[in-house]
Amino acid sequence: MIVTLIGWHLAGWAGMLVASVAKFGPSSLVTILALHEWDRFKDRPWRRYAQLGLVPVTAGLVAASAALIARASNPTAIAWAITAFTAMMATRTRIHPLWLLAAGSLIGLTGFGQG
């Protein structure tokens, strides 16, 4: 997502627009076309099985992304503990994720756990 900021930094608003369209345009078009075709098969029995098979794939990709982000942003054991506690709170309570992000931001502003 930094592509947009780089485009803006190098060429102002026009650079931001060109960089954003170049980065997000092709994948957005593929998504639109795929969703259109996916809707064509809404009554097919195999579609349900395909969707059920994609659930664990999606969960795995999200978990892998979370692990990579946590690894890159947690320099200390205290930071890991904060991340683990936040993940536990997000999965076991009905606290809105934005409140958890706000709490993490406040902890980060204090410098606590940054070694």
PDB file of N, CA and C in Angstrom:
ATOM      1  N   MET A   1       0.819  -1.198   0.000  1.00  0.00           N
ATOM      2  CA  MET A   1       0.000   0.000   0.000  1.00  0.00           C
ATOM      3  C   MET A   1       0.864   1.264   0.000  1.00  0.00           C
ATOM      4  N   ILE A   2       2.132   1.088   0.111  1.00  0.00           N
ATOM      5  CA  ILE A   2       3.012   2.246   0.125  1.00  0.00           C
ATOM      6  C   ILE A   2       3.210   2.824  -1.276  1.00  0.00           C
ATOM      7  N   VAL A   3       2.794   2.073  -2.293  1.00  0.00           N
ATOM      8  CA  VAL A   3       2.941   2.523  -3.675  1.00  0.00           C
ATOM      9  C   VAL A   3       2.267   3.882  -3.878  1.00  0.00           C
ATOM     10  N   THR A   4       1.092   4.057  -3.312  1.00  0.00           N
ATOM     11  CA  THR A   4       0.367   5.319  -3.436  1.00  0.00           C
ATOM     12  C   THR A   4       1.166   6.462  -2.839  1.00  0.00           C
ATOM     13  N   LEU A   5       1.749   6.243  -1.688  1.00  0.00           N
ATOM     14  CA  LEU A   5       2.548   7.290  -1.049  1.00  0.00           C
ATOM     15  C   LEU A   5       3.806   7.612  -1.846  1.00  0.00           C
ATOM     16  N   ILE A   6       4.422   6.600  -2.422  1.00  0.00           N
ATOM     17  CA  ILE A   6       5.614   6.836  -3.247  1.00  0.00           C
ATOM     18  C   ILE A   6       5.240   7.651  -4.476  1.00  0.00           C
ATOM     19  N   GLY A   7       4.123   7.303  -5.125  1.00  0.00           N
ATOM     20  CA  GLY A   7       3.664   8.076  -6.280  1.00  0.00           C
ATOM     21  C   GLY A   7       3.407   9.522  -5.919  1.00  0.00           C
ATOM     22  N   TRP A   8       2.802   9.753  -4.771  1.00  0.00           N
ATOM     23  CA  TRP A   8       2.524  11.123  -4.316  1.00  0.00           C
ATOM     24  C   TRP A   8       3.825  11.862  -4.024  1.00  0.00           C
ATOM     25  N   HIS A   9       4.775  11.187  -3.407  1.00  0.00           N
ATOM     26  CA  HIS A   9       6.047  11.807  -3.069  1.00  0.00           C
ATOM     27  C   HIS A   9       6.840  12.187  -4.328  1.00  0.00           C
ATOM     28  N   LEU A  10       6.789  11.335  -5.339  1.00  0.00           N
ATOM     29  CA  LEU A  10       7.564  11.579  -6.547  1.00  0.00           C
ATOM     30  C   LEU A  10       6.910  12.541  -7.522  1.00  0.00           C
ATOM     31  N   ALA A  11       5.575  12.527  -7.630  1.00  0.00           N
ATOM     32  CA  ALA A  11       4.927  13.330  -8.672  1.00  0.00           C
ATOM     33  C   ALA A  11       3.631  13.979  -8.214  1.00  0.00           C
ATOM     34  N   GLY A  12       3.447  14.141  -6.932  1.00  0.00           N
ATOM     35  CA  GLY A  12       2.249  14.822  -6.443  1.00  0.00           C
ATOM     36  C   GLY A  12       0.990  14.003  -6.646  1.00  0.00           C
ATOM     37  N   TRP A  13      -0.123  14.720  -6.795  1.00  0.00           N
ATOM     38  CA  TRP A  13      -1.430  14.060  -6.918  1.00  0.00           C
ATOM     39  C   TRP A  13      -1.516  13.200  -8.173  1.00  0.00           C
ATOM     40  N   ALA A  14      -0.928  13.668  -9.272  1.00  0.00           N
ATOM     41  CA  ALA A  14      -0.962  12.878 -10.506  1.00  0.00           C
ATOM     42  C   ALA A  14      -0.195  11.569 -10.325  1.00  0.00           C
ATOM     43  N   GLY A  15       0.957  11.627  -9.671  1.00  0.00           N
ATOM     44  CA  GLY A  15       1.739  10.426  -9.406  1.00  0.00           C
ATOM     45  C   GLY A  15       1.005   9.459  -8.500  1.00  0.00           C
ATOM     46  N   MET A  16       0.299  10.021  -7.507  1.00  0.00           N
ATOM     47  CA  MET A  16      -0.485   9.184  -6.604  1.00  0.00           C
ATOM     48  C   MET A  16      -1.580   8.456  -7.370  1.00  0.00           C
ATOM     49  N   LEU A  17      -2.258   9.167  -8.258  1.00  0.00           N
ATOM     50  CA  LEU A  17      -3.331   8.570  -9.035  1.00  0.00           C
ATOM     51  C   LEU A  17      -2.803   7.479  -9.969  1.00  0.00           C
ATOM     52  N   VAL A  18      -1.734   7.784 -10.692  1.00  0.00           N
ATOM     53  CA  VAL A  18      -1.172   6.804 -11.623  1.00  0.00           C
ATOM     54  C   VAL A  18      -0.666   5.568 -10.879  1.00  0.00           C
ATOM     55  N   ALA A  19       0.045   5.778  -9.780  1.00  0.00           N
ATOM     56  CA  ALA A  19       0.564   4.640  -9.012  1.00  0.00           C
ATOM     57  C   ALA A  19      -0.565   3.788  -8.449  1.00  0.00           C
ATOM     58  N   SER A  20      -1.609   4.439  -7.961  1.00  0.00           N
ATOM     59  CA  SER A  20      -2.739   3.699  -7.386  1.00  0.00           C
ATOM     60  C   SER A  20      -3.472   2.883  -8.436  1.00  0.00           C
ATOM     61  N   VAL A  21      -3.732   3.506  -9.588  1.00  0.00           N
ATOM     62  CA  VAL A  21      -4.429   2.783 -10.659  1.00  0.00           C
ATOM     63  C   VAL A  21      -3.568   1.627 -11.164  1.00  0.00           C
ATOM     64  N   ALA A  22      -2.265   1.854 -11.296  1.00  0.00           N
ATOM     65  CA  ALA A  22      -1.376   0.797 -11.770  1.00  0.00           C
ATOM     66  C   ALA A  22      -1.298  -0.362 -10.776  1.00  0.00           C
ATOM     67  N   LYS A  23      -1.327  -0.055  -9.511  1.00  0.00           N
ATOM     68  CA  LYS A  23      -1.212  -1.096  -8.481  1.00  0.00           C
ATOM     69  C   LYS A  23      -2.526  -1.840  -8.253  1.00  0.00           C
ATOM     70  N   PHE A  24      -3.612  -1.082  -8.120  1.00  0.00           N
ATOM     71  CA  PHE A  24      -4.879  -1.695  -7.718  1.00  0.00           C
ATOM     72  C   PHE A  24      -5.832  -1.979  -8.875  1.00  0.00           C
ATOM     73  N   GLY A  25      -5.625  -1.364 -10.014  1.00  0.00           N
ATOM     74  CA  GLY A  25      -6.522  -1.548 -11.149  1.00  0.00           C
ATOM     75  C   GLY A  25      -6.604  -2.973 -11.670  1.00  0.00           C
ATOM     76  N   PRO A  26      -5.458  -3.576 -12.024  1.00  0.00           N
ATOM     77  CA  PRO A  26      -5.524  -4.929 -12.587  1.00  0.00           C
ATOM     78  C   PRO A  26      -6.172  -5.960 -11.652  1.00  0.00           C
ATOM     79  N   SER A  27      -5.786  -5.956 -10.389  1.00  0.00           N
ATOM     80  CA  SER A  27      -6.367  -6.943  -9.473  1.00  0.00           C
ATOM     81  C   SER A  27      -7.849  -6.669  -9.242  1.00  0.00           C
ATOM     82  N   SER A  28      -8.236  -5.399  -9.260  1.00  0.00           N
ATOM     83  CA  SER A  28      -9.659  -5.073  -9.098  1.00  0.00           C
ATOM     84  C   SER A  28     -10.463  -5.565 -10.296  1.00  0.00           C
ATOM     85  N   LEU A  29      -9.922  -5.400 -11.497  1.00  0.00           N
ATOM     86  CA  LEU A  29     -10.618  -5.894 -12.693  1.00  0.00           C
ATOM     87  C   LEU A  29     -10.758  -7.409 -12.671  1.00  0.00           C
ATOM     88  N   VAL A  30      -9.692  -8.103 -12.285  1.00  0.00           N
ATOM     89  CA  VAL A  30      -9.756  -9.565 -12.199  1.00  0.00           C
ATOM     90  C   VAL A  30     -10.802  -9.982 -11.168  1.00  0.00           C
ATOM     91  N   THR A  31     -10.855  -9.277 -10.038  1.00  0.00           N
ATOM     92  CA  THR A  31     -11.842  -9.596  -9.001  1.00  0.00           C
ATOM     93  C   THR A  31     -13.257  -9.387  -9.512  1.00  0.00           C
ATOM     94  N   ILE A  32     -13.496  -8.275 -10.189  1.00  0.00           N
ATOM     95  CA  ILE A  32     -14.830  -7.993 -10.731  1.00  0.00           C
ATOM     96  C   ILE A  32     -15.247  -9.071 -11.725  1.00  0.00           C
ATOM     97  N   LEU A  33     -14.336  -9.434 -12.615  1.00  0.00           N
ATOM     98  CA  LEU A  33     -14.652 -10.471 -13.602  1.00  0.00           C
ATOM     99  C   LEU A  33     -14.892 -11.822 -12.927  1.00  0.00           C
ATOM    100  N   ALA A  34     -14.058 -12.162 -11.947  1.00  0.00           N
ATOM    101  CA  ALA A  34     -14.222 -13.441 -11.254  1.00  0.00           C
ATOM    102  C   ALA A  34     -15.550 -13.496 -10.502  1.00  0.00           C
ATOM    103  N   LEU A  35     -15.922 -12.392  -9.844  1.00  0.00           N
ATOM    104  CA  LEU A  35     -17.195 -12.375  -9.124  1.00  0.00           C
ATOM    105  C   LEU A  35     -18.382 -12.486 -10.073  1.00  0.00           C
ATOM    106  N   HIS A  36     -18.264 -11.858 -11.234  1.00  0.00           N
ATOM    107  CA  HIS A  36     -19.335 -11.969 -12.224  1.00  0.00           C
ATOM    108  C   HIS A  36     -19.488 -13.428 -12.667  1.00  0.00           C
ATOM    109  N   GLU A  37     -18.374 -14.073 -12.954  1.00  0.00           N
ATOM    110  CA  GLU A  37     -18.428 -15.477 -13.374  1.00  0.00           C
ATOM    111  C   GLU A  37     -18.890 -16.368 -12.223  1.00  0.00           C
ATOM    112  N   TRP A  38     -18.477 -16.050 -11.004  1.00  0.00           N
ATOM    113  CA  TRP A  38     -18.858 -16.836  -9.835  1.00  0.00           C
ATOM    114  C   TRP A  38     -20.375 -16.809  -9.653  1.00  0.00           C
ATOM    115  N   ASP A  39     -20.976 -15.654  -9.874  1.00  0.00           N
ATOM    116  CA  ASP A  39     -22.430 -15.535  -9.758  1.00  0.00           C
ATOM    117  C   ASP A  39     -23.162 -16.381 -10.806  1.00  0.00           C
ATOM    118  N   ARG A  40     -22.540 -16.582 -11.946  1.00  0.00           N
ATOM    119  CA  ARG A  40     -23.154 -17.419 -12.984  1.00  0.00           C
ATOM    120  C   ARG A  40     -23.390 -18.836 -12.496  1.00  0.00           C
ATOM    121  N   PHE A  41     -22.560 -19.301 -11.577  1.00  0.00           N
ATOM    122  CA  PHE A  41     -22.624 -20.686 -11.121  1.00  0.00           C
ATOM    123  C   PHE A  41     -23.263 -20.820  -9.739  1.00  0.00           C
ATOM    124  N   LYS A  42     -24.097 -19.858  -9.365  1.00  0.00           N
ATOM    125  CA  LYS A  42     -24.660 -19.866  -8.006  1.00  0.00           C
ATOM    126  C   LYS A  42     -25.538 -21.084  -7.715  1.00  0.00           C
ATOM    127  N   ASP A  43     -26.086 -21.714  -8.729  1.00  0.00           N
ATOM    128  CA  ASP A  43     -26.948 -22.871  -8.512  1.00  0.00           C
ATOM    129  C   ASP A  43     -26.227 -24.207  -8.679  1.00  0.00           C
ATOM    130  N   ARG A  44     -24.962 -24.184  -8.946  1.00  0.00           N
ATOM    131  CA  ARG A  44     -24.204 -25.428  -9.150  1.00  0.00           C
ATOM    132  C   ARG A  44     -23.787 -26.020  -7.809  1.00  0.00           C
ATOM    133  N   PRO A  45     -23.900 -27.324  -7.656  1.00  0.00           N
ATOM    134  CA  PRO A  45     -23.548 -27.940  -6.368  1.00  0.00           C
ATOM    135  C   PRO A  45     -22.058 -27.843  -6.035  1.00  0.00           C
ATOM    136  N   TRP A  46     -21.176 -27.828  -7.036  1.00  0.00           N
ATOM    137  CA  TRP A  46     -19.744 -27.788  -6.769  1.00  0.00           C
ATOM    138  C   TRP A  46     -19.314 -26.446  -6.170  1.00  0.00           C
ATOM    139  N   ARG A  47     -20.118 -25.402  -6.398  1.00  0.00           N
ATOM    140  CA  ARG A  47     -19.745 -24.075  -5.884  1.00  0.00           C
ATOM    141  C   ARG A  47     -19.687 -24.085  -4.350  1.00  0.00           C
ATOM    142  N   ARG A  48     -20.639 -24.753  -3.729  1.00  0.00           N
ATOM    143  CA  ARG A  48     -20.662 -24.832  -2.259  1.00  0.00           C
ATOM    144  C   ARG A  48     -19.399 -25.505  -1.744  1.00  0.00           C
ATOM    145  N   TYR A  49     -18.966 -26.592  -2.403  1.00  0.00           N
ATOM    146  CA  TYR A  49     -17.769 -27.303  -1.975  1.00  0.00           C
ATOM    147  C   TYR A  49     -16.510 -26.468  -2.204  1.00  0.00           C
ATOM    148  N   ALA A  50     -16.490 -25.727  -3.291  1.00  0.00           N
ATOM    149  CA  ALA A  50     -15.351 -24.849  -3.545  1.00  0.00           C
ATOM    150  C   ALA A  50     -15.256 -23.778  -2.458  1.00  0.00           C
ATOM    151  N   GLN A  51     -16.385 -23.203  -2.082  1.00  0.00           N
ATOM    152  CA  GLN A  51     -16.394 -22.191  -1.028  1.00  0.00           C
ATOM    153  C   GLN A  51     -15.959 -22.787   0.307  1.00  0.00           C
ATOM    154  N   LEU A  52     -16.429 -23.972   0.623  1.00  0.00           N
ATOM    155  CA  LEU A  52     -16.019 -24.625   1.867  1.00  0.00           C
ATOM    156  C   LEU A  52     -14.514 -24.906   1.879  1.00  0.00           C
ATOM    157  N   GLY A  53     -13.960 -25.237   0.719  1.00  0.00           N
ATOM    158  CA  GLY A  53     -12.525 -25.488   0.625  1.00  0.00           C
ATOM    159  C   GLY A  53     -11.689 -24.229   0.739  1.00  0.00           C
ATOM    160  N   LEU A  54     -12.262 -23.101   0.344  1.00  0.00           N
ATOM    161  CA  LEU A  54     -11.517 -21.845   0.422  1.00  0.00           C
ATOM    162  C   LEU A  54     -11.468 -21.252   1.829  1.00  0.00           C
ATOM    163  N   VAL A  55     -12.359 -21.687   2.709  1.00  0.00           N
ATOM    164  CA  VAL A  55     -12.374 -21.157   4.080  1.00  0.00           C
ATOM    165  C   VAL A  55     -11.052 -21.433   4.808  1.00  0.00           C
ATOM    166  N   PRO A  56     -10.549 -22.677   4.855  1.00  0.00           N
ATOM    167  CA  PRO A  56      -9.277 -22.891   5.548  1.00  0.00           C
ATOM    168  C   PRO A  56      -8.093 -22.226   4.845  1.00  0.00           C
ATOM    169  N   VAL A  57      -8.152 -22.115   3.527  1.00  0.00           N
ATOM    170  CA  VAL A  57      -7.089 -21.426   2.796  1.00  0.00           C
ATOM    171  C   VAL A  57      -7.037 -19.963   3.218  1.00  0.00           C
ATOM    172  N   THR A  58      -8.198 -19.327   3.267  1.00  0.00           N
ATOM    173  CA  THR A  58      -8.271 -17.934   3.681  1.00  0.00           C
ATOM    174  C   THR A  58      -7.801 -17.755   5.117  1.00  0.00           C
ATOM    175  N   ALA A  59      -8.244 -18.636   5.993  1.00  0.00           N
ATOM    176  CA  ALA A  59      -7.824 -18.553   7.395  1.00  0.00           C
ATOM    177  C   ALA A  59      -6.310 -18.720   7.520  1.00  0.00           C
ATOM    178  N   GLY A  60      -5.752 -19.619   6.756  1.00  0.00           N
ATOM    179  CA  GLY A  60      -4.301 -19.823   6.780  1.00  0.00           C
ATOM    180  C   GLY A  60      -3.536 -18.613   6.278  1.00  0.00           C
ATOM    181  N   LEU A  61      -4.024 -17.993   5.219  1.00  0.00           N
ATOM    182  CA  LEU A  61      -3.353 -16.801   4.694  1.00  0.00           C
ATOM    183  C   LEU A  61      -3.421 -15.640   5.684  1.00  0.00           C
ATOM    184  N   VAL A  62      -4.562 -15.480   6.330  1.00  0.00           N
ATOM    185  CA  VAL A  62      -4.700 -14.423   7.338  1.00  0.00           C
ATOM    186  C   VAL A  62      -3.770 -14.697   8.521  1.00  0.00           C
ATOM    187  N   ALA A  63      -3.720 -15.944   8.979  1.00  0.00           N
ATOM    188  CA  ALA A  63      -2.849 -16.297  10.102  1.00  0.00           C
ATOM    189  C   ALA A  63      -1.379 -16.104   9.743  1.00  0.00           C
ATOM    190  N   ALA A  64      -1.001 -16.481   8.533  1.00  0.00           N
ATOM    191  CA  ALA A  64       0.389 -16.294   8.107  1.00  0.00           C
ATOM    192  C   ALA A  64       0.750 -14.813   8.034  1.00  0.00           C
ATOM    193  N   SER A  65      -0.167 -14.005   7.531  1.00  0.00           N
ATOM    194  CA  SER A  65       0.073 -12.562   7.490  1.00  0.00           C
ATOM    195  C   SER A  65       0.213 -11.989   8.887  1.00  0.00           C
ATOM    196  N   ALA A  66      -0.649 -12.417   9.790  1.00  0.00           N
ATOM    197  CA  ALA A  66      -0.579 -11.945  11.176  1.00  0.00           C
ATOM    198  C   ALA A  66       0.754 -12.338  11.811  1.00  0.00           C
ATOM    199  N   ALA A  67       1.208 -13.563  11.555  1.00  0.00           N
ATOM    200  CA  ALA A  67       2.479 -14.016  12.119  1.00  0.00           C
ATOM    201  C   ALA A  67       3.649 -13.194  11.576  1.00  0.00           C
ATOM    202  N   LEU A  68       3.638 -12.901  10.278  1.00  0.00           N
ATOM    203  CA  LEU A  68       4.713 -12.098   9.689  1.00  0.00           C
ATOM    204  C   LEU A  68       4.723 -10.680  10.249  1.00  0.00           C
ATOM    205  N   ILE A  69       3.564 -10.081  10.385  1.00  0.00           N
ATOM    206  CA  ILE A  69       3.484  -8.725  10.923  1.00  0.00           C
ATOM    207  C   ILE A  69       3.927  -8.719  12.382  1.00  0.00           C
ATOM    208  N   ALA A  70       3.491  -9.702  13.159  1.00  0.00           N
ATOM    209  CA  ALA A  70       3.884  -9.773  14.571  1.00  0.00           C
ATOM    210  C   ALA A  70       5.389  -9.960  14.699  1.00  0.00           C
ATOM    211  N   ARG A  71       5.949 -10.816  13.876  1.00  0.00           N
ATOM    212  CA  ARG A  71       7.395 -11.059  13.930  1.00  0.00           C
ATOM    213  C   ARG A  71       8.199  -9.809  13.588  1.00  0.00           C
ATOM    214  N   ALA A  72       7.708  -9.050  12.633  1.00  0.00           N
ATOM    215  CA  ALA A  72       8.423  -7.846  12.212  1.00  0.00           C
ATOM    216  C   ALA A  72       8.259  -6.692  13.195  1.00  0.00           C
ATOM    217  N   SER A  73       7.197  -6.687  13.974  1.00  0.00           N
ATOM    218  CA  SER A  73       6.922  -5.519  14.810  1.00  0.00           C
ATOM    219  C   SER A  73       7.078  -5.757  16.305  1.00  0.00           C
ATOM    220  N   ASN A  74       7.489  -6.938  16.712  1.00  0.00           N
ATOM    221  CA  ASN A  74       7.636  -7.239  18.137  1.00  0.00           C
ATOM    222  C   ASN A  74       9.101  -7.489  18.489  1.00  0.00           C
ATOM    223  N   PRO A  75       9.809  -6.435  18.935  1.00  0.00           N
ATOM    224  CA  PRO A  75      11.234  -6.607  19.227  1.00  0.00           C
ATOM    225  C   PRO A  75      11.531  -7.232  20.593  1.00  0.00           C
ATOM    226  N   THR A  76      10.554  -7.240  21.501  1.00  0.00           N
ATOM    227  CA  THR A  76      10.812  -7.731  22.857  1.00  0.00           C
ATOM    228  C   THR A  76       9.741  -8.733  23.287  1.00  0.00           C
ATOM    229  N   ALA A  77      10.035  -9.423  24.374  1.00  0.00           N
ATOM    230  CA  ALA A  77       9.077 -10.380  24.930  1.00  0.00           C
ATOM    231  C   ALA A  77       7.811  -9.660  25.420  1.00  0.00           C
ATOM    232  N   ILE A  78       7.980  -8.456  25.936  1.00  0.00           N
ATOM    233  CA  ILE A  78       6.819  -7.693  26.398  1.00  0.00           C
ATOM    234  C   ILE A  78       5.911  -7.357  25.211  1.00  0.00           C
ATOM    235  N   ALA A  79       6.500  -6.975  24.099  1.00  0.00           N
ATOM    236  CA  ALA A  79       5.704  -6.678  22.903  1.00  0.00           C
ATOM    237  C   ALA A  79       4.967  -7.924  22.427  1.00  0.00           C
ATOM    238  N   TRP A  80       5.625  -9.083  22.489  1.00  0.00           N
ATOM    239  CA  TRP A  80       4.965 -10.336  22.125  1.00  0.00           C
ATOM    240  C   TRP A  80       3.804 -10.625  23.062  1.00  0.00           C
ATOM    241  N   ALA A  81       3.986 -10.354  24.341  1.00  0.00           N
ATOM    242  CA  ALA A  81       2.921 -10.588  25.312  1.00  0.00           C
ATOM    243  C   ALA A  81       1.727  -9.680  25.031  1.00  0.00           C
ATOM    244  N   ILE A  82       2.002  -8.427  24.694  1.00  0.00           N
ATOM    245  CA  ILE A  82       0.924  -7.490  24.361  1.00  0.00           C
ATOM    246  C   ILE A  82       0.169  -7.985  23.127  1.00  0.00           C
ATOM    247  N   THR A  83       0.916  -8.436  22.119  1.00  0.00           N
ATOM    248  CA  THR A  83       0.294  -8.952  20.895  1.00  0.00           C
ATOM    249  C   THR A  83      -0.554 -10.184  21.197  1.00  0.00           C
ATOM    250  N   ALA A  84      -0.033 -11.101  21.980  1.00  0.00           N
ATOM    251  CA  ALA A  84      -0.777 -12.314  22.323  1.00  0.00           C
ATOM    252  C   ALA A  84      -2.038 -11.979  23.121  1.00  0.00           C
ATOM    253  N   PHE A  85      -1.906 -11.061  24.071  1.00  0.00           N
ATOM    254  CA  PHE A  85      -3.066 -10.664  24.870  1.00  0.00           C
ATOM    255  C   PHE A  85      -4.134 -10.015  23.984  1.00  0.00           C
ATOM    256  N   THR A  86      -3.703  -9.158  23.070  1.00  0.00           N
ATOM    257  CA  THR A  86      -4.647  -8.493  22.165  1.00  0.00           C
ATOM    258  C   THR A  86      -5.348  -9.508  21.257  1.00  0.00           C
ATOM    259  N   ALA A  87      -4.596 -10.463  20.745  1.00  0.00           N
ATOM    260  CA  ALA A  87      -5.190 -11.506  19.899  1.00  0.00           C
ATOM    261  C   ALA A  87      -6.203 -12.331  20.684  1.00  0.00           C
ATOM    262  N   MET A  88      -5.848 -12.651  21.928  1.00  0.00           N
ATOM    263  CA  MET A  88      -6.773 -13.406  22.774  1.00  0.00           C
ATOM    264  C   MET A  88      -8.047 -12.603  23.031  1.00  0.00           C
ATOM    265  N   MET A  89      -7.894 -11.318  23.326  1.00  0.00           N
ATOM    266  CA  MET A  89      -9.059 -10.470  23.577  1.00  0.00           C
ATOM    267  C   MET A  89      -9.932 -10.358  22.321  1.00  0.00           C
ATOM    268  N   ALA A  90      -9.302 -10.287  21.171  1.00  0.00           N
ATOM    269  CA  ALA A  90     -10.050 -10.147  19.919  1.00  0.00           C
ATOM    270  C   ALA A  90     -10.853 -11.405  19.603  1.00  0.00           C
ATOM    271  N   THR A  91     -10.312 -12.559  19.956  1.00  0.00           N
ATOM    272  CA  THR A  91     -10.997 -13.807  19.610  1.00  0.00           C
ATOM    273  C   THR A  91     -11.952 -14.308  20.685  1.00  0.00           C
ATOM    274  N   ARG A  92     -11.779 -13.864  21.917  1.00  0.00           N
ATOM    275  CA  ARG A  92     -12.594 -14.411  23.007  1.00  0.00           C
ATOM    276  C   ARG A  92     -13.599 -13.427  23.611  1.00  0.00           C
ATOM    277  N   THR A  93     -13.546 -12.183  23.208  1.00  0.00           N
ATOM    278  CA  THR A  93     -14.497 -11.202  23.736  1.00  0.00           C
ATOM    279  C   THR A  93     -15.214 -10.524  22.583  1.00  0.00           C
ATOM    280  N   ARG A  94     -16.176  -9.715  22.930  1.00  0.00           N
ATOM    281  CA  ARG A  94     -16.907  -8.964  21.909  1.00  0.00           C
ATOM    282  C   ARG A  94     -16.441  -7.506  21.851  1.00  0.00           C
ATOM    283  N   ILE A  95     -15.253  -7.241  22.363  1.00  0.00           N
ATOM    284  CA  ILE A  95     -14.698  -5.888  22.297  1.00  0.00           C
ATOM    285  C   ILE A  95     -14.409  -5.559  20.837  1.00  0.00           C
ATOM    286  N   HIS A  96     -14.818  -4.381  20.428  1.00  0.00           N
ATOM    287  CA  HIS A  96     -14.596  -3.974  19.039  1.00  0.00           C
ATOM    288  C   HIS A  96     -13.097  -3.885  18.763  1.00  0.00           C
ATOM    289  N   PRO A  97     -12.645  -4.396  17.612  1.00  0.00           N
ATOM    290  CA  PRO A  97     -11.210  -4.377  17.297  1.00  0.00           C
ATOM    291  C   PRO A  97     -10.590  -2.977  17.299  1.00  0.00           C
ATOM    292  N   LEU A  98     -11.372  -1.961  16.988  1.00  0.00           N
ATOM    293  CA  LEU A  98     -10.803  -0.611  17.000  1.00  0.00           C
ATOM    294  C   LEU A  98     -10.402  -0.190  18.411  1.00  0.00           C
ATOM    295  N   TRP A  99     -11.122  -0.645  19.425  1.00  0.00           N
ATOM    296  CA  TRP A  99     -10.733  -0.345  20.804  1.00  0.00           C
ATOM    297  C   TRP A  99      -9.419  -1.042  21.140  1.00  0.00           C
ATOM    298  N   LEU A 100      -9.249  -2.250  20.649  1.00  0.00           N
ATOM    299  CA  LEU A 100      -7.994  -2.966  20.887  1.00  0.00           C
ATOM    300  C   LEU A 100      -6.838  -2.281  20.172  1.00  0.00           C
ATOM    301  N   LEU A 101      -7.076  -1.824  18.950  1.00  0.00           N
ATOM    302  CA  LEU A 101      -6.042  -1.085  18.224  1.00  0.00           C
ATOM    303  C   LEU A 101      -5.699   0.219  18.933  1.00  0.00           C
ATOM    304  N   ALA A 102      -6.719   0.900  19.440  1.00  0.00           N
ATOM    305  CA  ALA A 102      -6.482   2.147  20.170  1.00  0.00           C
ATOM    306  C   ALA A 102      -5.652   1.880  21.420  1.00  0.00           C
ATOM    307  N   ALA A 103      -5.965   0.817  22.149  1.00  0.00           N
ATOM    308  CA  ALA A 103      -5.200   0.479  23.351  1.00  0.00           C
ATOM    309  C   ALA A 103      -3.750   0.157  22.989  1.00  0.00           C
ATOM    310  N   GLY A 104      -3.562  -0.597  21.922  1.00  0.00           N
ATOM    311  CA  GLY A 104      -2.203  -0.905  21.469  1.00  0.00           C
ATOM    312  C   GLY A 104      -1.444   0.338  21.062  1.00  0.00           C
ATOM    313  N   SER A 105      -2.134   1.263  20.420  1.00  0.00           N
ATOM    314  CA  SER A 105      -1.498   2.526  20.026  1.00  0.00           C
ATOM    315  C   SER A 105      -1.063   3.327  21.243  1.00  0.00           C
ATOM    316  N   LEU A 106      -1.921   3.388  22.234  1.00  0.00           N
ATOM    317  CA  LEU A 106      -1.575   4.117  23.460  1.00  0.00           C
ATOM    318  C   LEU A 106      -0.381   3.483  24.176  1.00  0.00           C
ATOM    319  N   ILE A 107      -0.372   2.152  24.226  1.00  0.00           N
ATOM    320  CA  ILE A 107       0.765   1.464  24.836  1.00  0.00           C
ATOM    321  C   ILE A 107       2.028   1.758  24.042  1.00  0.00           C
ATOM    322  N   GLY A 108       1.928   1.727  22.720  1.00  0.00           N
ATOM    323  CA  GLY A 108       3.075   2.024  21.873  1.00  0.00           C
ATOM    324  C   GLY A 108       3.587   3.444  22.052  1.00  0.00           C
ATOM    325  N   LEU A 109       2.670   4.404  22.230  1.00  0.00           N
ATOM    326  CA  LEU A 109       3.084   5.792  22.443  1.00  0.00           C
ATOM    327  C   LEU A 109       3.875   5.977  23.735  1.00  0.00           C
ATOM    328  N   THR A 110       3.577   5.148  24.725  1.00  0.00           N
ATOM    329  CA  THR A 110       4.333   5.244  25.974  1.00  0.00           C
ATOM    330  C   THR A 110       5.736   4.677  25.852  1.00  0.00           C
ATOM    331  N   GLY A 111       5.970   3.856  24.837  1.00  0.00           N
ATOM    332  CA  GLY A 111       7.280   3.230  24.674  1.00  0.00           C
ATOM    333  C   GLY A 111       7.418   1.953  25.481  1.00  0.00           C
ATOM    334  N   PHE A 112       6.386   1.571  26.181  1.00  0.00           N
ATOM    335  CA  PHE A 112       6.418   0.359  27.006  1.00  0.00           C
ATOM    336  C   PHE A 112       6.650  -0.864  26.131  1.00  0.00           C
ATOM    337  N   GLY A 113       7.623  -1.666  26.485  1.00  0.00           N
ATOM    338  CA  GLY A 113       7.887  -2.913  25.783  1.00  0.00           C
ATOM    339  C   GLY A 113       8.722  -2.771  24.525  1.00  0.00           C
ATOM    340  N   GLN A 114       9.233  -1.601  24.249  1.00  0.00           N
ATOM    341  CA  GLN A 114      10.015  -1.410  23.015  1.00  0.00           C
ATOM    342  C   GLN A 114      11.513  -1.578  23.228  1.00  0.00           C
ATOM    343  N   GLY A 115      11.891  -1.917  24.407  1.00  0.00           N
ATOM    344  CA  GLY A 115      13.291  -2.230  24.699  1.00  0.00           C
ATOM    345  C   GLY A 115      14.158  -1.074  24.591  1.00  0.00           C
TER     346      GLY A 115
END
